[in-house]
C-alpha cells in the first residue's frame, strides 16, 4: 500500500505485546532499542522470524546479526522510557478495541477485509472523503 500511495499514506506502528507470549514485551523493547540505532524494522523482522524461539540469548544473537552496537543496545533496553512507550501503545490499543495482533486500521477504522482489494477500497474511500471535503 505504501508503494501504491506514496504521497497519501503513512504507516504508524504500535506495539501490542500479547500477555500469552512470555517474551513478547522484551522482544518489543528490543526492537525499539534497535530503532534507536536505526534498525527497528531489521530487528522486528528477525524477532518475528524467530518468535517461537525467543529468550534473552536469542534476542542478543538477533541484535548481533542485525549489526547493533551491543553496548548501546543493552543500555537502551534498560531505558524506562521504552517500557513506558510500550505501555502507552497497549493502552491505546485497548482503547481502540484491539484484542490481538496484527490489527490494522485506516484513519481509525478497523480493516476487516485484509485482502489487497479490501485494503485499497478503504484507503480510496478515505481519500475520496478528503477530496470531497467530507468528514
N, C-alpha and C. Protein backbone atom coordinates (compact mmCIF):
# COMPACT_ATOMS: atom_id res chain seq x y z
N UNK A 1 0.82 -1.19 0.00
CA UNK A 1 0.00 0.00 0.00
C UNK A 1 0.87 1.26 0.00
N UNK A 2 1.99 1.21 0.70
CA UNK A 2 2.86 2.37 0.72
C UNK A 2 3.40 2.69 -0.66
N UNK A 3 3.61 1.67 -1.48
CA UNK A 3 4.09 1.89 -2.84
C UNK A 3 2.97 2.42 -3.74
N UNK A 4 1.74 1.96 -3.50
CA UNK A 4 0.61 2.42 -4.31
C UNK A 4 0.22 3.86 -3.99
N UNK A 5 0.44 4.28 -2.74
CA UNK A 5 0.02 5.60 -2.29
C UNK A 5 1.20 6.33 -1.62
N UNK A 6 2.28 6.57 -2.34
CA UNK A 6 3.47 7.12 -1.69
C UNK A 6 3.28 8.51 -1.09
N UNK A 7 2.34 9.28 -1.61
CA UNK A 7 2.14 10.65 -1.12
C UNK A 7 0.94 10.80 -0.19
N UNK A 8 0.18 9.74 -0.01
CA UNK A 8 -1.05 9.85 0.76
C UNK A 8 -1.14 8.92 1.96
N UNK A 9 -0.15 8.09 2.14
CA UNK A 9 -0.25 7.07 3.17
C UNK A 9 0.96 7.12 4.09
N UNK A 10 0.70 6.93 5.37
CA UNK A 10 1.78 6.87 6.35
C UNK A 10 1.51 5.66 7.23
N UNK A 11 2.55 4.88 7.45
CA UNK A 11 2.45 3.72 8.32
C UNK A 11 2.77 4.14 9.75
N UNK A 12 1.88 3.82 10.66
CA UNK A 12 2.10 4.06 12.08
C UNK A 12 2.06 2.70 12.75
N UNK A 13 3.16 2.34 13.39
CA UNK A 13 3.27 1.04 14.05
C UNK A 13 3.14 1.23 15.55
N UNK A 14 2.27 0.46 16.16
CA UNK A 14 2.10 0.48 17.60
C UNK A 14 2.36 -0.91 18.14
N UNK A 15 3.00 -0.96 19.30
CA UNK A 15 3.30 -2.24 19.94
C UNK A 15 2.07 -2.75 20.68
N UNK A 16 1.88 -4.06 20.64
CA UNK A 16 0.79 -4.69 21.39
C UNK A 16 1.25 -6.09 21.80
N UNK A 17 2.21 -6.14 22.74
CA UNK A 17 2.74 -7.45 23.13
C UNK A 17 1.67 -8.29 23.84
N UNK A 18 1.46 -9.47 23.34
CA UNK A 18 0.45 -10.35 23.90
C UNK A 18 0.92 -10.92 25.24
N UNK A 19 0.04 -10.89 26.20
CA UNK A 19 0.38 -11.40 27.54
C UNK A 19 0.64 -12.90 27.52
N UNK A 20 0.09 -13.58 26.55
CA UNK A 20 0.25 -15.04 26.48
C UNK A 20 1.64 -15.45 25.99
N UNK A 21 2.42 -14.51 25.50
CA UNK A 21 3.76 -14.81 25.00
C UNK A 21 4.78 -14.24 25.98
N UNK A 22 5.51 -15.12 26.64
CA UNK A 22 6.43 -14.75 27.71
C UNK A 22 7.45 -13.69 27.27
N UNK A 23 7.92 -13.75 26.04
CA UNK A 23 8.96 -12.83 25.60
C UNK A 23 8.44 -11.72 24.68
N UNK A 24 7.13 -11.54 24.64
CA UNK A 24 6.57 -10.51 23.77
C UNK A 24 7.06 -9.11 24.17
N UNK A 25 6.95 -8.77 25.44
CA UNK A 25 7.37 -7.43 25.86
C UNK A 25 8.88 -7.24 25.73
N UNK A 26 9.72 -8.17 26.18
CA UNK A 26 11.15 -7.99 25.96
C UNK A 26 11.51 -7.88 24.48
N UNK A 27 10.77 -8.58 23.63
CA UNK A 27 11.03 -8.51 22.19
C UNK A 27 10.68 -7.14 21.64
N UNK A 28 9.55 -6.60 22.08
CA UNK A 28 9.14 -5.26 21.63
C UNK A 28 10.18 -4.23 22.08
N UNK A 29 10.60 -4.32 23.32
CA UNK A 29 11.59 -3.39 23.84
C UNK A 29 12.90 -3.53 23.07
N UNK A 30 13.26 -4.75 22.72
CA UNK A 30 14.48 -4.97 21.93
C UNK A 30 14.37 -4.30 20.56
N UNK A 31 13.21 -4.42 19.92
CA UNK A 31 13.01 -3.79 18.61
C UNK A 31 13.07 -2.26 18.74
N UNK A 32 12.47 -1.72 19.79
CA UNK A 32 12.52 -0.27 19.99
C UNK A 32 13.95 0.19 20.29
N UNK A 33 14.68 -0.60 21.06
CA UNK A 33 16.08 -0.27 21.34
C UNK A 33 16.89 -0.31 20.04
N UNK A 34 16.61 -1.27 19.19
CA UNK A 34 17.29 -1.34 17.89
C UNK A 34 16.94 -0.11 17.05
N UNK A 35 15.71 0.35 17.21
CA UNK A 35 15.28 1.55 16.49
C UNK A 35 16.11 2.77 16.83
N UNK A 36 16.63 2.82 18.03
CA UNK A 36 17.50 3.95 18.42
C UNK A 36 18.79 3.95 17.62
N UNK A 37 19.08 2.80 16.99
CA UNK A 37 20.26 2.71 16.11
C UNK A 37 19.84 2.64 14.64
N UNK A 38 18.56 2.97 14.39
CA UNK A 38 18.07 2.98 13.01
C UNK A 38 17.79 1.61 12.43
N UNK A 39 17.58 0.61 13.31
CA UNK A 39 17.39 -0.76 12.82
C UNK A 39 16.13 -1.42 13.40
N UNK A 40 15.09 -0.61 13.60
CA UNK A 40 13.86 -1.16 14.15
C UNK A 40 13.31 -2.28 13.27
N UNK A 41 13.13 -2.00 11.98
CA UNK A 41 12.48 -2.99 11.12
C UNK A 41 13.33 -4.24 10.94
N UNK A 42 14.64 -4.08 10.89
CA UNK A 42 15.50 -5.26 10.78
C UNK A 42 15.34 -6.16 12.00
N UNK A 43 15.32 -5.53 13.18
CA UNK A 43 15.17 -6.31 14.42
C UNK A 43 13.75 -6.87 14.51
N UNK A 44 12.77 -6.07 14.17
CA UNK A 44 11.38 -6.52 14.15
C UNK A 44 11.24 -7.78 13.32
N UNK A 45 11.76 -7.75 12.10
CA UNK A 45 11.65 -8.89 11.19
C UNK A 45 12.39 -10.11 11.74
N UNK A 46 13.56 -9.89 12.31
CA UNK A 46 14.33 -11.01 12.88
C UNK A 46 13.59 -11.63 14.06
N UNK A 47 12.99 -10.79 14.88
CA UNK A 47 12.23 -11.29 16.03
C UNK A 47 11.03 -12.11 15.56
N UNK A 48 10.27 -11.58 14.61
CA UNK A 48 9.10 -12.31 14.13
C UNK A 48 9.47 -13.61 13.44
N UNK A 49 10.61 -13.63 12.77
CA UNK A 49 11.07 -14.86 12.13
C UNK A 49 11.46 -15.92 13.16
N UNK A 50 11.70 -15.49 14.38
CA UNK A 50 12.15 -16.40 15.45
C UNK A 50 11.23 -16.36 16.67
N UNK A 51 9.97 -15.96 16.48
CA UNK A 51 9.04 -15.73 17.60
C UNK A 51 8.91 -16.93 18.52
N UNK A 52 9.04 -18.13 17.99
CA UNK A 52 8.82 -19.33 18.80
C UNK A 52 10.10 -19.83 19.47
N UNK A 53 11.20 -19.10 19.30
CA UNK A 53 12.47 -19.48 19.92
C UNK A 53 13.06 -18.36 20.76
N UNK A 54 12.25 -17.39 21.14
CA UNK A 54 12.78 -16.22 21.83
C UNK A 54 13.14 -16.49 23.28
N UNK A 55 14.27 -15.99 23.65
CA UNK A 55 14.73 -15.91 25.03
C UNK A 55 15.78 -14.80 25.02
N UNK A 56 16.35 -14.50 26.18
CA UNK A 56 17.32 -13.40 26.23
C UNK A 56 18.52 -13.64 25.33
N UNK A 57 19.02 -14.87 25.31
CA UNK A 57 20.19 -15.18 24.47
C UNK A 57 19.85 -15.02 22.99
N UNK A 58 18.66 -15.47 22.58
CA UNK A 58 18.27 -15.36 21.17
C UNK A 58 18.10 -13.90 20.77
N UNK A 59 17.52 -13.08 21.65
CA UNK A 59 17.36 -11.66 21.34
C UNK A 59 18.73 -11.01 21.14
N UNK A 60 19.69 -11.34 21.99
CA UNK A 60 21.04 -10.81 21.83
C UNK A 60 21.69 -11.29 20.54
N UNK A 61 21.48 -12.55 20.22
CA UNK A 61 22.01 -13.10 18.97
C UNK A 61 21.44 -12.37 17.76
N UNK A 62 20.14 -12.11 17.79
CA UNK A 62 19.50 -11.40 16.69
C UNK A 62 20.02 -9.97 16.58
N UNK A 63 20.23 -9.34 17.73
CA UNK A 63 20.76 -7.97 17.75
C UNK A 63 22.14 -7.93 17.09
N UNK A 64 22.95 -8.93 17.38
CA UNK A 64 24.28 -9.00 16.76
C UNK A 64 24.15 -9.24 15.25
N UNK A 65 23.21 -10.10 14.86
CA UNK A 65 23.03 -10.41 13.44
C UNK A 65 22.61 -9.18 12.64
N UNK A 66 21.80 -8.30 13.24
CA UNK A 66 21.36 -7.11 12.50
C UNK A 66 22.38 -5.99 12.59
N UNK A 67 23.48 -6.23 13.30
CA UNK A 67 24.58 -5.28 13.32
C UNK A 67 24.49 -4.17 14.35
N UNK A 68 23.87 -4.45 15.48
CA UNK A 68 23.74 -3.41 16.50
C UNK A 68 25.01 -3.27 17.33
N UNK A 69 25.24 -2.07 17.80
CA UNK A 69 26.27 -1.82 18.80
C UNK A 69 25.71 -2.40 20.09
N UNK A 70 26.29 -3.49 20.57
CA UNK A 70 25.70 -4.25 21.67
C UNK A 70 25.74 -3.50 23.00
N UNK A 71 26.76 -2.70 23.23
CA UNK A 71 26.82 -1.92 24.48
C UNK A 71 25.67 -0.93 24.51
N UNK A 72 25.49 -0.24 23.42
CA UNK A 72 24.37 0.73 23.34
C UNK A 72 23.02 0.02 23.39
N UNK A 73 22.92 -1.11 22.71
CA UNK A 73 21.68 -1.88 22.69
C UNK A 73 21.27 -2.29 24.11
N UNK A 74 22.21 -2.81 24.87
CA UNK A 74 21.92 -3.23 26.25
C UNK A 74 21.50 -2.04 27.11
N UNK A 75 22.17 -0.92 26.93
CA UNK A 75 21.80 0.28 27.69
C UNK A 75 20.41 0.75 27.30
N UNK A 76 20.12 0.77 26.01
CA UNK A 76 18.82 1.23 25.54
C UNK A 76 17.69 0.31 25.98
N UNK A 77 17.93 -0.99 26.05
CA UNK A 77 16.90 -1.93 26.51
C UNK A 77 16.47 -1.65 27.94
N UNK A 78 17.35 -1.04 28.72
CA UNK A 78 17.04 -0.73 30.12
C UNK A 78 16.40 0.64 30.29
N UNK A 79 16.25 1.39 29.21
CA UNK A 79 15.67 2.73 29.26
C UNK A 79 14.20 2.64 29.67
N UNK A 80 13.81 3.21 30.81
CA UNK A 80 12.43 3.11 31.27
C UNK A 80 11.43 3.78 30.32
N UNK A 81 11.91 4.68 29.48
CA UNK A 81 11.00 5.33 28.53
C UNK A 81 10.49 4.35 27.48
N UNK A 82 11.29 3.33 27.16
CA UNK A 82 10.83 2.33 26.19
C UNK A 82 9.68 1.51 26.77
N UNK A 83 9.82 1.10 28.02
CA UNK A 83 8.74 0.35 28.67
C UNK A 83 7.48 1.22 28.77
N UNK A 84 7.67 2.49 29.06
CA UNK A 84 6.54 3.42 29.14
C UNK A 84 5.85 3.54 27.78
N UNK A 85 6.66 3.61 26.71
CA UNK A 85 6.10 3.69 25.36
C UNK A 85 5.26 2.45 25.05
N UNK A 86 5.77 1.27 25.42
CA UNK A 86 5.04 0.03 25.18
C UNK A 86 3.72 0.05 25.94
N UNK A 87 3.74 0.50 27.18
CA UNK A 87 2.52 0.56 27.98
C UNK A 87 1.52 1.55 27.39
N UNK A 88 2.00 2.66 26.87
CA UNK A 88 1.12 3.63 26.22
C UNK A 88 0.51 3.04 24.95
N UNK A 89 1.32 2.32 24.18
CA UNK A 89 0.81 1.66 22.97
C UNK A 89 -0.27 0.64 23.33
N UNK A 90 -0.03 -0.13 24.38
CA UNK A 90 -1.02 -1.11 24.83
C UNK A 90 -2.33 -0.44 25.20
N UNK A 91 -2.25 0.62 25.98
CA UNK A 91 -3.46 1.33 26.40
C UNK A 91 -4.19 1.93 25.20
N UNK A 92 -3.43 2.46 24.26
CA UNK A 92 -4.02 2.99 23.04
C UNK A 92 -4.73 1.88 22.26
N UNK A 93 -4.09 0.72 22.20
CA UNK A 93 -4.69 -0.42 21.51
C UNK A 93 -5.97 -0.88 22.19
N UNK A 94 -5.93 -1.01 23.50
CA UNK A 94 -7.14 -1.41 24.23
C UNK A 94 -8.26 -0.40 23.98
N UNK A 95 -7.91 0.88 23.99
CA UNK A 95 -8.91 1.92 23.75
C UNK A 95 -9.52 1.84 22.36
N UNK A 96 -8.74 1.34 21.40
CA UNK A 96 -9.22 1.21 20.01
C UNK A 96 -9.93 -0.12 19.78
N UNK A 97 -9.98 -0.95 20.83
CA UNK A 97 -10.66 -2.24 20.68
C UNK A 97 -9.76 -3.37 20.22
N UNK A 98 -8.46 -3.16 20.23
CA UNK A 98 -7.53 -4.21 19.81
C UNK A 98 -7.53 -5.31 20.87
N UNK A 99 -7.61 -6.54 20.41
CA UNK A 99 -7.55 -7.68 21.31
C UNK A 99 -6.50 -8.69 20.87
N UNK A 100 -5.95 -8.50 19.69
CA UNK A 100 -4.93 -9.41 19.16
C UNK A 100 -4.12 -8.74 18.08
N UNK A 101 -3.14 -9.47 17.59
CA UNK A 101 -2.28 -8.92 16.55
C UNK A 101 -2.25 -9.86 15.35
N UNK A 102 -2.05 -9.34 14.17
CA UNK A 102 -2.00 -7.92 13.88
C UNK A 102 -3.39 -7.32 13.78
N UNK A 103 -3.52 -6.09 14.14
CA UNK A 103 -4.75 -5.32 13.96
C UNK A 103 -4.40 -4.14 13.08
N UNK A 104 -5.20 -3.92 12.08
CA UNK A 104 -4.92 -2.87 11.10
C UNK A 104 -6.05 -1.86 11.09
N UNK A 105 -5.69 -0.59 10.95
CA UNK A 105 -6.66 0.50 10.92
C UNK A 105 -6.31 1.45 9.79
N UNK A 106 -7.32 2.03 9.20
CA UNK A 106 -7.15 3.11 8.23
C UNK A 106 -7.93 4.29 8.78
N UNK A 107 -7.24 5.36 9.11
CA UNK A 107 -7.86 6.55 9.70
C UNK A 107 -8.78 6.21 10.86
N UNK A 108 -8.31 5.32 11.72
CA UNK A 108 -9.07 4.97 12.92
C UNK A 108 -10.14 3.91 12.72
N UNK A 109 -10.34 3.46 11.49
CA UNK A 109 -11.33 2.41 11.22
C UNK A 109 -10.61 1.08 11.06
N UNK A 110 -11.11 0.06 11.77
CA UNK A 110 -10.50 -1.27 11.69
C UNK A 110 -10.67 -1.85 10.28
N UNK A 111 -9.59 -2.41 9.77
CA UNK A 111 -9.63 -3.07 8.46
C UNK A 111 -10.20 -4.46 8.68
N UNK A 112 -11.36 -4.72 8.08
CA UNK A 112 -12.00 -6.03 8.21
C UNK A 112 -11.62 -6.95 7.05
N UNK A 113 -11.61 -6.38 5.85
CA UNK A 113 -11.23 -7.15 4.67
C UNK A 113 -9.75 -6.89 4.40
N UNK A 114 -8.90 -7.84 4.81
CA UNK A 114 -7.45 -7.64 4.72
C UNK A 114 -6.86 -8.02 3.37
N UNK A 115 -7.70 -8.31 2.41
CA UNK A 115 -7.18 -8.58 1.07
C UNK A 115 -6.63 -7.27 0.50
N UNK A 116 -5.80 -7.38 -0.51
CA UNK A 116 -5.25 -6.19 -1.15
C UNK A 116 -6.39 -5.29 -1.64
N UNK A 117 -7.40 -5.89 -2.24
CA UNK A 117 -8.54 -5.12 -2.75
C UNK A 117 -9.33 -4.45 -1.64
N UNK A 118 -9.55 -5.16 -0.55
CA UNK A 118 -10.30 -4.60 0.58
C UNK A 118 -9.56 -3.44 1.23
N UNK A 119 -8.27 -3.61 1.39
CA UNK A 119 -7.44 -2.57 1.98
C UNK A 119 -7.45 -1.33 1.08
N UNK A 120 -7.27 -1.57 -0.21
CA UNK A 120 -7.26 -0.48 -1.19
C UNK A 120 -8.59 0.25 -1.21
N UNK A 121 -9.67 -0.49 -1.11
CA UNK A 121 -11.01 0.12 -1.11
C UNK A 121 -11.16 1.07 0.08
N UNK A 122 -10.72 0.66 1.26
CA UNK A 122 -10.82 1.53 2.43
C UNK A 122 -9.99 2.80 2.26
N UNK A 123 -8.80 2.65 1.73
CA UNK A 123 -7.93 3.81 1.53
C UNK A 123 -8.56 4.76 0.52
N UNK A 124 -9.07 4.20 -0.57
CA UNK A 124 -9.72 5.04 -1.59
C UNK A 124 -10.93 5.78 -1.02
N UNK A 125 -11.70 5.12 -0.15
CA UNK A 125 -12.84 5.78 0.49
C UNK A 125 -12.38 6.96 1.36
N UNK A 126 -11.32 6.76 2.11
CA UNK A 126 -10.81 7.84 2.96
C UNK A 126 -10.27 8.99 2.13
N UNK A 127 -9.57 8.66 1.03
CA UNK A 127 -9.05 9.72 0.16
C UNK A 127 -10.19 10.48 -0.51
N UNK A 128 -11.26 9.77 -0.88
CA UNK A 128 -12.42 10.43 -1.50
C UNK A 128 -13.06 11.40 -0.52
N UNK A 129 -13.12 11.03 0.77
CA UNK A 129 -13.67 11.91 1.79
C UNK A 129 -12.86 13.21 1.87
N UNK A 130 -11.54 13.07 1.80
CA UNK A 130 -10.68 14.25 1.87
C UNK A 130 -10.87 15.15 0.66
N UNK A 131 -10.98 14.56 -0.52
CA UNK A 131 -11.14 15.34 -1.75
C UNK A 131 -12.50 16.00 -1.78
N UNK A 132 -13.51 15.33 -1.22
CA UNK A 132 -14.87 15.89 -1.23
C UNK A 132 -15.14 16.83 -0.07
N UNK A 133 -14.17 16.93 0.84
CA UNK A 133 -14.35 17.83 1.99
C UNK A 133 -15.24 17.25 3.06
N UNK A 134 -15.57 15.97 2.94
CA UNK A 134 -16.44 15.32 3.93
C UNK A 134 -15.61 14.88 5.12
N UNK A 135 -16.25 14.77 6.27
CA UNK A 135 -15.54 14.27 7.45
C UNK A 135 -16.10 12.94 7.88
